[in-house]
């Protein structure tokens, strides 16, 4: 599945099918959270949070692609990602874009 942040694919004709999205909500692991507090005190990357964010992003993207495949899309244009904290220690990631079908 082709995923682009642009609005157009040069040289391709396509029809818009629908908006597609993928959503995931994760909570922090308390053990990793305690280690991150110590890391935050001395500075540097909080790898536990980086790993969690990377996994969330991957899951949200996979779910967006799965929705596009159900619609028989060939690509997703205008792909965007967003995240927010829902509660203390709970983060939501969403991936969304426009599913398109190539013509010809």
PDB file of N, CA and C in Angstrom:
ATOM      1  N   UNK A   1       0.859  -1.181   0.000  1.00  0.00           N
ATOM      2  CA  UNK A   1       0.000   0.000   0.000  1.00  0.00           C
ATOM      3  C   UNK A   1       0.895   1.231   0.000  1.00  0.00           C
ATOM      4  N   UNK A   2       0.651   2.096  -0.951  1.00  0.00           N
ATOM      5  CA  UNK A   2       1.372   3.351  -1.052  1.00  0.00           C
ATOM      6  C   UNK A   2       0.746   4.350  -0.079  1.00  0.00           C
ATOM      7  N   UNK A   3       1.558   4.925   0.802  1.00  0.00           N
ATOM      8  CA  UNK A   3       1.085   5.913   1.766  1.00  0.00           C
ATOM      9  C   UNK A   3       1.904   7.183   1.570  1.00  0.00           C
ATOM     10  N   UNK A   4       1.213   8.273   1.255  1.00  0.00           N
ATOM     11  CA  UNK A   4       1.883   9.543   1.000  1.00  0.00           C
ATOM     12  C   UNK A   4       1.265  10.658   1.839  1.00  0.00           C
ATOM     13  N   UNK A   5       2.083  11.645   2.177  1.00  0.00           N
ATOM     14  CA  UNK A   5       1.549  12.820   2.861  1.00  0.00           C
ATOM     15  C   UNK A   5       1.081  13.882   1.868  1.00  0.00           C
ATOM     16  N   UNK A   6       1.415  13.688   0.590  1.00  0.00           N
ATOM     17  CA  UNK A   6       1.028  14.665  -0.427  1.00  0.00           C
ATOM     18  C   UNK A   6      -0.424  14.474  -0.857  1.00  0.00           C
ATOM     19  N   UNK A   7      -0.940  15.493  -1.544  1.00  0.00           N
ATOM     20  CA  UNK A   7      -2.322  15.460  -2.016  1.00  0.00           C
ATOM     21  C   UNK A   7      -2.457  14.819  -3.390  1.00  0.00           C
ATOM     22  N   UNK A   8      -1.360  14.711  -4.117  1.00  0.00           N
ATOM     23  CA  UNK A   8      -1.402  14.204  -5.487  1.00  0.00           C
ATOM     24  C   UNK A   8      -0.266  13.214  -5.727  1.00  0.00           C
ATOM     25  N   UNK A   9      -0.497  12.347  -6.708  1.00  0.00           N
ATOM     26  CA  UNK A   9       0.542  11.441  -7.181  1.00  0.00           C
ATOM     27  C   UNK A   9       0.828  11.847  -8.624  1.00  0.00           C
ATOM     28  N   UNK A  10       1.981  12.433  -8.866  1.00  0.00           N
ATOM     29  CA  UNK A  10       2.297  12.875 -10.233  1.00  0.00           C
ATOM     30  C   UNK A  10       2.200  11.721 -11.238  1.00  0.00           C
ATOM     31  N   UNK A  11       1.496  11.986 -12.352  1.00  0.00           N
ATOM     32  CA  UNK A  11       1.384  10.998 -13.418  1.00  0.00           C
ATOM     33  C   UNK A  11       0.364   9.903 -13.176  1.00  0.00           C
ATOM     34  N   UNK A  12      -0.367   9.958 -12.073  1.00  0.00           N
ATOM     35  CA  UNK A  12      -1.372   8.930 -11.772  1.00  0.00           C
ATOM     36  C   UNK A  12      -2.762   9.543 -11.775  1.00  0.00           C
ATOM     37  N   UNK A  13      -3.704   8.808 -12.337  1.00  0.00           N
ATOM     38  CA  UNK A  13      -5.114   9.186 -12.248  1.00  0.00           C
ATOM     39  C   UNK A  13      -5.761   8.284 -11.214  1.00  0.00           C
ATOM     40  N   UNK A  14      -6.624   8.852 -10.413  1.00  0.00           N
ATOM     41  CA  UNK A  14      -7.248   8.064  -9.357  1.00  0.00           C
ATOM     42  C   UNK A  14      -8.573   8.683  -8.961  1.00  0.00           C
ATOM     43  N   UNK A  15      -9.384   7.874  -8.296  1.00  0.00           N
ATOM     44  CA  UNK A  15     -10.631   8.369  -7.739  1.00  0.00           C
ATOM     45  C   UNK A  15     -10.566   8.245  -6.221  1.00  0.00           C
ATOM     46  N   UNK A  16     -11.157   9.199  -5.552  1.00  0.00           N
ATOM     47  CA  UNK A  16     -11.199   9.186  -4.096  1.00  0.00           C
ATOM     48  C   UNK A  16     -12.273   8.201  -3.648  1.00  0.00           C
ATOM     49  N   UNK A  17     -11.917   7.366  -2.696  1.00  0.00           N
ATOM     50  CA  UNK A  17     -12.878   6.389  -2.164  1.00  0.00           C
ATOM     51  C   UNK A  17     -13.487   6.908  -0.861  1.00  0.00           C
ATOM     52  N   UNK A  18     -12.638   7.144   0.131  1.00  0.00           N
ATOM     53  CA  UNK A  18     -13.137   7.575   1.442  1.00  0.00           C
ATOM     54  C   UNK A  18     -11.972   7.916   2.356  1.00  0.00           C
ATOM     55  N   UNK A  19     -12.301   8.560   3.461  1.00  0.00           N
ATOM     56  CA  UNK A  19     -11.305   8.763   4.497  1.00  0.00           C
ATOM     57  C   UNK A  19     -11.128   7.434   5.230  1.00  0.00           C
ATOM     58  N   UNK A  20      -9.893   7.108   5.555  1.00  0.00           N
ATOM     59  CA  UNK A  20      -9.606   5.907   6.338  1.00  0.00           C
ATOM     60  C   UNK A  20      -8.822   6.319   7.573  1.00  0.00           C
ATOM     61  N   UNK A  21      -8.941   5.516   8.606  1.00  0.00           N
ATOM     62  CA  UNK A  21      -8.250   5.859   9.849  1.00  0.00           C
ATOM     63  C   UNK A  21      -7.896   4.609  10.636  1.00  0.00           C
ATOM     64  N   UNK A  22      -6.945   4.773  11.502  1.00  0.00           N
ATOM     65  CA  UNK A  22      -6.559   3.728  12.432  1.00  0.00           C
ATOM     66  C   UNK A  22      -6.312   4.378  13.776  1.00  0.00           C
ATOM     67  N   UNK A  23      -6.752   3.741  14.825  1.00  0.00           N
ATOM     68  CA  UNK A  23      -6.679   4.317  16.159  1.00  0.00           C
ATOM     69  C   UNK A  23      -6.142   3.295  17.137  1.00  0.00           C
ATOM     70  N   UNK A  24      -5.351   3.743  18.077  1.00  0.00           N
ATOM     71  CA  UNK A  24      -4.897   2.869  19.152  1.00  0.00           C
ATOM     72  C   UNK A  24      -4.727   3.684  20.423  1.00  0.00           C
ATOM     73  N   UNK A  25      -4.934   3.044  21.553  1.00  0.00           N
ATOM     74  CA  UNK A  25      -4.771   3.679  22.853  1.00  0.00           C
ATOM     75  C   UNK A  25      -3.874   2.774  23.693  1.00  0.00           C
ATOM     76  N   UNK A  26      -2.815   3.335  24.246  1.00  0.00           N
ATOM     77  CA  UNK A  26      -1.859   2.579  25.048  1.00  0.00           C
ATOM     78  C   UNK A  26      -1.711   3.213  26.427  1.00  0.00           C
ATOM     79  N   UNK A  27      -1.368   2.376  27.387  1.00  0.00           N
ATOM     80  CA  UNK A  27      -1.001   2.893  28.706  1.00  0.00           C
ATOM     81  C   UNK A  27       0.446   2.525  28.979  1.00  0.00           C
ATOM     82  N   UNK A  28       1.084   3.327  29.810  1.00  0.00           N
ATOM     83  CA  UNK A  28       2.487   3.109  30.128  1.00  0.00           C
ATOM     84  C   UNK A  28       2.648   1.906  31.060  1.00  0.00           C
ATOM     85  N   UNK A  29       3.774   1.230  30.919  1.00  0.00           N
ATOM     86  CA  UNK A  29       4.163   0.157  31.816  1.00  0.00           C
ATOM     87  C   UNK A  29       4.764   0.803  33.060  1.00  0.00           C
ATOM     88  N   UNK A  30       4.255   0.491  34.234  1.00  0.00           N
ATOM     89  CA  UNK A  30       4.692   1.162  35.459  1.00  0.00           C
ATOM     90  C   UNK A  30       6.187   0.975  35.717  1.00  0.00           C
ATOM     91  N   UNK A  31       6.724  -0.190  35.419  1.00  0.00           N
ATOM     92  CA  UNK A  31       8.160  -0.428  35.611  1.00  0.00           C
ATOM     93  C   UNK A  31       8.991   0.458  34.705  1.00  0.00           C
ATOM     94  N   UNK A  32       8.610   0.529  33.447  1.00  0.00           N
ATOM     95  CA  UNK A  32       9.320   1.389  32.499  1.00  0.00           C
ATOM     96  C   UNK A  32       9.111   2.854  32.849  1.00  0.00           C
ATOM     97  N   UNK A  33       7.938   3.189  33.397  1.00  0.00           N
ATOM     98  CA  UNK A  33       7.648   4.564  33.765  1.00  0.00           C
ATOM     99  C   UNK A  33       8.570   5.029  34.886  1.00  0.00           C
ATOM    100  N   UNK A  34       8.804   4.173  35.869  1.00  0.00           N
ATOM    101  CA  UNK A  34       9.698   4.522  36.973  1.00  0.00           C
ATOM    102  C   UNK A  34      11.111   4.747  36.453  1.00  0.00           C
ATOM    103  N   UNK A  35      11.580   3.878  35.556  1.00  0.00           N
ATOM    104  CA  UNK A  35      12.914   4.043  34.983  1.00  0.00           C
ATOM    105  C   UNK A  35      13.006   5.342  34.175  1.00  0.00           C
ATOM    106  N   UNK A  36      11.931   5.698  33.493  1.00  0.00           N
ATOM    107  CA  UNK A  36      11.925   6.926  32.704  1.00  0.00           C
ATOM    108  C   UNK A  36      11.983   8.168  33.586  1.00  0.00           C
ATOM    109  N   UNK A  37      11.394   8.085  34.772  1.00  0.00           N
ATOM    110  CA  UNK A  37      11.461   9.209  35.712  1.00  0.00           C
ATOM    111  C   UNK A  37      12.914   9.468  36.088  1.00  0.00           C
ATOM    112  N   UNK A  38      13.654   8.393  36.374  1.00  0.00           N
ATOM    113  CA  UNK A  38      15.074   8.547  36.699  1.00  0.00           C
ATOM    114  C   UNK A  38      15.846   9.116  35.510  1.00  0.00           C
ATOM    115  N   UNK A  39      15.550   8.616  34.327  1.00  0.00           N
ATOM    116  CA  UNK A  39      16.220   9.091  33.114  1.00  0.00           C
ATOM    117  C   UNK A  39      15.907  10.566  32.888  1.00  0.00           C
ATOM    118  N   UNK A  40      14.675  10.962  33.144  1.00  0.00           N
ATOM    119  CA  UNK A  40      14.271  12.349  32.973  1.00  0.00           C
ATOM    120  C   UNK A  40      15.008  13.276  33.921  1.00  0.00           C
ATOM    121  N   UNK A  41      15.373  12.770  35.078  1.00  0.00           N
ATOM    122  CA  UNK A  41      16.088  13.593  36.058  1.00  0.00           C
ATOM    123  C   UNK A  41      17.509  13.915  35.601  1.00  0.00           C
ATOM    124  N   UNK A  42      18.126  12.994  34.855  1.00  0.00           N
ATOM    125  CA  UNK A  42      19.508  13.212  34.415  1.00  0.00           C
ATOM    126  C   UNK A  42      19.591  13.663  32.963  1.00  0.00           C
ATOM    127  N   UNK A  43      18.517  13.606  32.251  1.00  0.00           N
ATOM    128  CA  UNK A  43      18.496  14.026  30.848  1.00  0.00           C
ATOM    129  C   UNK A  43      18.724  12.863  29.901  1.00  0.00           C
ATOM    130  N   UNK A  44      18.398  13.074  28.644  1.00  0.00           N
ATOM    131  CA  UNK A  44      18.578  12.054  27.629  1.00  0.00           C
ATOM    132  C   UNK A  44      17.256  11.496  27.135  1.00  0.00           C
ATOM    133  N   UNK A  45      17.363  10.625  26.157  1.00  0.00           N
ATOM    134  CA  UNK A  45      16.172  10.030  25.552  1.00  0.00           C
ATOM    135  C   UNK A  45      15.502   9.052  26.511  1.00  0.00           C
ATOM    136  N   UNK A  46      14.192   9.127  26.570  1.00  0.00           N
ATOM    137  CA  UNK A  46      13.408   8.180  27.358  1.00  0.00           C
ATOM    138  C   UNK A  46      12.986   7.055  26.424  1.00  0.00           C
ATOM    139  N   UNK A  47      13.850   6.065  26.307  1.00  0.00           N
ATOM    140  CA  UNK A  47      13.663   5.019  25.309  1.00  0.00           C
ATOM    141  C   UNK A  47      12.361   4.249  25.476  1.00  0.00           C
ATOM    142  N   UNK A  48      11.892   4.071  26.695  1.00  0.00           N
ATOM    143  CA  UNK A  48      10.631   3.357  26.906  1.00  0.00           C
ATOM    144  C   UNK A  48       9.481   4.089  26.229  1.00  0.00           C
ATOM    145  N   UNK A  49       9.496   5.423  26.307  1.00  0.00           N
ATOM    146  CA  UNK A  49       8.445   6.214  25.669  1.00  0.00           C
ATOM    147  C   UNK A  49       8.608   6.234  24.152  1.00  0.00           C
ATOM    148  N   UNK A  50       9.843   6.269  23.698  1.00  0.00           N
ATOM    149  CA  UNK A  50      10.098   6.220  22.254  1.00  0.00           C
ATOM    150  C   UNK A  50       9.598   4.903  21.689  1.00  0.00           C
ATOM    151  N   UNK A  51       9.901   3.809  22.369  1.00  0.00           N
ATOM    152  CA  UNK A  51       9.448   2.484  21.918  1.00  0.00           C
ATOM    153  C   UNK A  51       7.928   2.400  21.918  1.00  0.00           C
ATOM    154  N   UNK A  52       7.291   2.917  22.966  1.00  0.00           N
ATOM    155  CA  UNK A  52       5.830   2.880  23.039  1.00  0.00           C
ATOM    156  C   UNK A  52       5.223   3.714  21.921  1.00  0.00           C
ATOM    157  N   UNK A  53       5.765   4.894  21.676  1.00  0.00           N
ATOM    158  CA  UNK A  53       5.242   5.754  20.617  1.00  0.00           C
ATOM    159  C   UNK A  53       5.421   5.120  19.248  1.00  0.00           C
ATOM    160  N   UNK A  54       6.572   4.498  19.024  1.00  0.00           N
ATOM    161  CA  UNK A  54       6.835   3.824  17.751  1.00  0.00           C
ATOM    162  C   UNK A  54       5.851   2.676  17.540  1.00  0.00           C
ATOM    163  N   UNK A  55       5.608   1.906  18.585  1.00  0.00           N
ATOM    164  CA  UNK A  55       4.650   0.799  18.475  1.00  0.00           C
ATOM    165  C   UNK A  55       3.234   1.312  18.224  1.00  0.00           C
ATOM    166  N   UNK A  56       2.834   2.370  18.932  1.00  0.00           N
ATOM    167  CA  UNK A  56       1.504   2.960  18.734  1.00  0.00           C
ATOM    168  C   UNK A  56       1.330   3.443  17.302  1.00  0.00           C
ATOM    169  N   UNK A  57       2.339   4.115  16.798  1.00  0.00           N
ATOM    170  CA  UNK A  57       2.298   4.641  15.433  1.00  0.00           C
ATOM    171  C   UNK A  57       2.164   3.513  14.425  1.00  0.00           C
ATOM    172  N   UNK A  58       2.891   2.432  14.641  1.00  0.00           N
ATOM    173  CA  UNK A  58       2.843   1.281  13.744  1.00  0.00           C
ATOM    174  C   UNK A  58       1.462   0.618  13.765  1.00  0.00           C
ATOM    175  N   UNK A  59       0.902   0.450  14.948  1.00  0.00           N
ATOM    176  CA  UNK A  59      -0.425  -0.168  15.065  1.00  0.00           C
ATOM    177  C   UNK A  59      -1.482   0.707  14.397  1.00  0.00           C
ATOM    178  N   UNK A  60      -1.441   2.007  14.647  1.00  0.00           N
ATOM    179  CA  UNK A  60      -2.416   2.919  14.039  1.00  0.00           C
ATOM    180  C   UNK A  60      -2.296   2.898  12.518  1.00  0.00           C
ATOM    181  N   UNK A  61      -1.058   2.887  12.002  1.00  0.00           N
ATOM    182  CA  UNK A  61      -0.844   2.826  10.553  1.00  0.00           C
ATOM    183  C   UNK A  61      -1.377   1.523   9.982  1.00  0.00           C
ATOM    184  N   UNK A  62      -1.082   0.404  10.638  1.00  0.00           N
ATOM    185  CA  UNK A  62      -1.572  -0.903  10.170  1.00  0.00           C
ATOM    186  C   UNK A  62      -3.093  -0.935  10.113  1.00  0.00           C
ATOM    187  N   UNK A  63      -3.741  -0.338  11.085  1.00  0.00           N
ATOM    188  CA  UNK A  63      -5.212  -0.319  11.104  1.00  0.00           C
ATOM    189  C   UNK A  63      -5.773   0.579  10.005  1.00  0.00           C
ATOM    190  N   UNK A  64      -5.097   1.694   9.730  1.00  0.00           N
ATOM    191  CA  UNK A  64      -5.517   2.571   8.627  1.00  0.00           C
ATOM    192  C   UNK A  64      -5.390   1.830   7.301  1.00  0.00           C
ATOM    193  N   UNK A  65      -4.275   1.150   7.100  1.00  0.00           N
ATOM    194  CA  UNK A  65      -4.042   0.393   5.864  1.00  0.00           C
ATOM    195  C   UNK A  65      -5.069  -0.731   5.733  1.00  0.00           C
ATOM    196  N   UNK A  66      -5.372  -1.413   6.823  1.00  0.00           N
ATOM    197  CA  UNK A  66      -6.365  -2.497   6.778  1.00  0.00           C
ATOM    198  C   UNK A  66      -7.732  -1.969   6.345  1.00  0.00           C
ATOM    199  N   UNK A  67      -8.105  -0.796   6.839  1.00  0.00           N
ATOM    200  CA  UNK A  67      -9.384  -0.195   6.430  1.00  0.00           C
ATOM    201  C   UNK A  67      -9.360   0.153   4.949  1.00  0.00           C
ATOM    202  N   UNK A  68      -8.232   0.680   4.470  1.00  0.00           N
ATOM    203  CA  UNK A  68      -8.098   1.024   3.047  1.00  0.00           C
ATOM    204  C   UNK A  68      -8.183  -0.230   2.182  1.00  0.00           C
ATOM    205  N   UNK A  69      -7.570  -1.316   2.623  1.00  0.00           N
ATOM    206  CA  UNK A  69      -7.610  -2.571   1.861  1.00  0.00           C
ATOM    207  C   UNK A  69      -9.028  -3.126   1.778  1.00  0.00           C
ATOM    208  N   UNK A  70      -9.808  -2.962   2.844  1.00  0.00           N
ATOM    209  CA  UNK A  70     -11.205  -3.403   2.806  1.00  0.00           C
ATOM    210  C   UNK A  70     -11.996  -2.664   1.735  1.00  0.00           C
ATOM    211  N   UNK A  71     -11.569  -1.445   1.433  1.00  0.00           N
ATOM    212  CA  UNK A  71     -12.226  -0.628   0.405  1.00  0.00           C
ATOM    213  C   UNK A  71     -11.591  -0.821  -0.971  1.00  0.00           C
ATOM    214  N   UNK A  72     -10.627  -1.735  -1.064  1.00  0.00           N
ATOM    215  CA  UNK A  72      -9.887  -2.026  -2.300  1.00  0.00           C
ATOM    216  C   UNK A  72      -9.119  -0.820  -2.815  1.00  0.00           C
ATOM    217  N   UNK A  73      -8.593  -0.034  -1.892  1.00  0.00           N
ATOM    218  CA  UNK A  73      -7.794   1.136  -2.257  1.00  0.00           C
ATOM    219  C   UNK A  73      -6.404   0.718  -2.707  1.00  0.00           C
ATOM    220  N   UNK A  74      -5.808   1.534  -3.550  1.00  0.00           N
ATOM    221  CA  UNK A  74      -4.435   1.313  -4.001  1.00  0.00           C
ATOM    222  C   UNK A  74      -3.434   2.179  -3.246  1.00  0.00           C
ATOM    223  N   UNK A  75      -3.914   3.272  -2.672  1.00  0.00           N
ATOM    224  CA  UNK A  75      -3.018   4.193  -1.983  1.00  0.00           C
ATOM    225  C   UNK A  75      -3.798   5.009  -0.958  1.00  0.00           C
ATOM    226  N   UNK A  76      -3.037   5.631  -0.066  1.00  0.00           N
ATOM    227  CA  UNK A  76      -3.599   6.568   0.903  1.00  0.00           C
ATOM    228  C   UNK A  76      -2.852   7.881   0.721  1.00  0.00           C
ATOM    229  N   UNK A  77      -3.601   8.924   0.424  1.00  0.00           N
ATOM    230  CA  UNK A  77      -3.027  10.258   0.260  1.00  0.00           C
ATOM    231  C   UNK A  77      -3.323  11.112   1.489  1.00  0.00           C
ATOM    232  N   UNK A  78      -2.575  12.197   1.615  1.00  0.00           N
ATOM    233  CA  UNK A  78      -2.759  13.139   2.727  1.00  0.00           C
ATOM    234  C   UNK A  78      -2.681  12.444   4.085  1.00  0.00           C
ATOM    235  N   UNK A  79      -1.802  11.452   4.194  1.00  0.00           N
ATOM    236  CA  UNK A  79      -1.670  10.717   5.453  1.00  0.00           C
ATOM    237  C   UNK A  79      -1.206  11.663   6.556  1.00  0.00           C
ATOM    238  N   UNK A  80      -1.859  11.547   7.700  1.00  0.00           N
ATOM    239  CA  UNK A  80      -1.533  12.381   8.847  1.00  0.00           C
ATOM    240  C   UNK A  80      -1.555  11.520  10.112  1.00  0.00           C
ATOM    241  N   UNK A  81      -0.829  11.991  11.106  1.00  0.00           N
ATOM    242  CA  UNK A  81      -0.785  11.314  12.400  1.00  0.00           C
ATOM    243  C   UNK A  81      -1.046  12.342  13.482  1.00  0.00           C
ATOM    244  N   UNK A  82      -1.683  11.886  14.543  1.00  0.00           N
ATOM    245  CA  UNK A  82      -1.944  12.769  15.668  1.00  0.00           C
ATOM    246  C   UNK A  82      -1.915  11.922  16.944  1.00  0.00           C
ATOM    247  N   UNK A  83      -1.620  12.566  18.040  1.00  0.00           N
ATOM    248  CA  UNK A  83      -1.631  11.866  19.322  1.00  0.00           C
ATOM    249  C   UNK A  83      -2.072  12.830  20.404  1.00  0.00           C
ATOM    250  N   UNK A  84      -2.577  12.258  21.482  1.00  0.00           N
ATOM    251  CA  UNK A  84      -2.951  13.078  22.626  1.00  0.00           C
ATOM    252  C   UNK A  84      -2.937  12.210  23.877  1.00  0.00           C
ATOM    253  N   UNK A  85      -2.844  12.865  25.005  1.00  0.00           N
ATOM    254  CA  UNK A  85      -2.912  12.180  26.293  1.00  0.00           C
ATOM    255  C   UNK A  85      -4.374  12.192  26.715  1.00  0.00           C
ATOM    256  N   UNK A  86      -4.937  11.007  26.920  1.00  0.00           N
ATOM    257  CA  UNK A  86      -6.338  10.914  27.339  1.00  0.00           C
ATOM    258  C   UNK A  86      -6.468  11.032  28.853  1.00  0.00           C
ATOM    259  N   UNK A  87      -5.603  10.327  29.552  1.00  0.00           N
ATOM    260  CA  UNK A  87      -5.529  10.341  31.011  1.00  0.00           C
ATOM    261  C   UNK A  87      -4.060  10.270  31.376  1.00  0.00           C
ATOM    262  N   UNK A  88      -3.754  10.479  32.618  1.00  0.00           N
ATOM    263  CA  UNK A  88      -2.366  10.354  33.040  1.00  0.00           C
ATOM    264  C   UNK A  88      -1.869   8.941  32.723  1.00  0.00           C
ATOM    265  N   UNK A  89      -0.875   8.857  31.873  1.00  0.00           N
ATOM    266  CA  UNK A  89      -0.304   7.563  31.522  1.00  0.00           C
ATOM    267  C   UNK A  89      -1.003   6.854  30.378  1.00  0.00           C
ATOM    268  N   UNK A  90      -2.013   7.484  29.770  1.00  0.00           N
ATOM    269  CA  UNK A  90      -2.749   6.865  28.658  1.00  0.00           C
ATOM    270  C   UNK A  90      -2.640   7.777  27.443  1.00  0.00           C
ATOM    271  N   UNK A  91      -2.141   7.223  26.329  1.00  0.00           N
ATOM    272  CA  UNK A  91      -1.923   8.013  25.119  1.00  0.00           C
ATOM    273  C   UNK A  91      -2.707   7.407  23.956  1.00  0.00           C
ATOM    274  N   UNK A  92      -3.264   8.276  23.130  1.00  0.00           N
ATOM    275  CA  UNK A  92      -4.010   7.849  21.940  1.00  0.00           C
ATOM    276  C   UNK A  92      -3.246   8.289  20.697  1.00  0.00           C
ATOM    277  N   UNK A  93      -3.132   7.379  19.740  1.00  0.00           N
ATOM    278  CA  UNK A  93      -2.543   7.701  18.444  1.00  0.00           C
ATOM    279  C   UNK A  93      -3.582   7.439  17.373  1.00  0.00           C
ATOM    280  N   UNK A  94      -3.652   8.327  16.385  1.00  0.00           N
ATOM    281  CA  UNK A  94      -4.542   8.127  15.255  1.00  0.00           C
ATOM    282  C   UNK A  94      -3.765   8.394  13.962  1.00  0.00           C
ATOM    283  N   UNK A  95      -3.998   7.539  12.995  1.00  0.00           N
ATOM    284  CA  UNK A  95      -3.464   7.719  11.643  1.00  0.00           C
ATOM    285  C   UNK A  95      -4.675   7.875  10.738  1.00  0.00           C
ATOM    286  N   UNK A  96      -4.640   8.839   9.818  1.00  0.00           N
ATOM    287  CA  UNK A  96      -5.781   9.020   8.924  1.00  0.00           C
ATOM    288  C   UNK A  96      -5.314   9.578   7.589  1.00  0.00           C
ATOM    289  N   UNK A  97      -6.120   9.338   6.578  1.00  0.00           N
ATOM    290  CA  UNK A  97      -5.799   9.800   5.243  1.00  0.00           C
ATOM    291  C   UNK A  97      -6.945   9.533   4.286  1.00  0.00           C
ATOM    292  N   UNK A  98      -6.696   9.801   3.015  1.00  0.00           N
ATOM    293  CA  UNK A  98      -7.704   9.627   1.966  1.00  0.00           C
ATOM    294  C   UNK A  98      -7.359   8.407   1.126  1.00  0.00           C
ATOM    295  N   UNK A  99      -8.232   7.419   1.138  1.00  0.00           N
ATOM    296  CA  UNK A  99      -8.038   6.207   0.340  1.00  0.00           C
ATOM    297  C   UNK A  99      -8.432   6.506  -1.104  1.00  0.00           C
ATOM    298  N   UNK A 100      -7.559   6.067  -2.044  1.00  0.00           N
ATOM    299  CA  UNK A 100      -7.827   6.286  -3.462  1.00  0.00           C
ATOM    300  C   UNK A 100      -7.638   4.993  -4.245  1.00  0.00           C
ATOM    301  N   UNK A 101      -8.328   4.933  -5.388  1.00  0.00           N
ATOM    302  CA  UNK A 101      -8.221   3.792  -6.312  1.00  0.00           C
ATOM    303  C   UNK A 101      -7.670   4.321  -7.628  1.00  0.00           C
ATOM    304  N   UNK A 102      -6.600   3.675  -8.111  1.00  0.00           N
ATOM    305  CA  UNK A 102      -6.008   4.086  -9.388  1.00  0.00           C
ATOM    306  C   UNK A 102      -6.939   3.774 -10.538  1.00  0.00           C
ATOM    307  N   UNK A 103      -6.961   4.638 -11.520  1.00  0.00           N
ATOM    308  CA  UNK A 103      -7.736   4.432 -12.740  1.00  0.00           C
ATOM    309  C   UNK A 103      -6.788   3.853 -13.792  1.00  0.00           C
ATOM    310  N   UNK A 104      -7.286   3.044 -14.680  1.00  0.00           N
ATOM    311  CA  UNK A 104      -6.528   2.392 -15.768  1.00  0.00           C
ATOM    312  C   UNK A 104      -6.015   1.060 -15.359  1.00  0.00           C
TER     313      UNK A 104
END
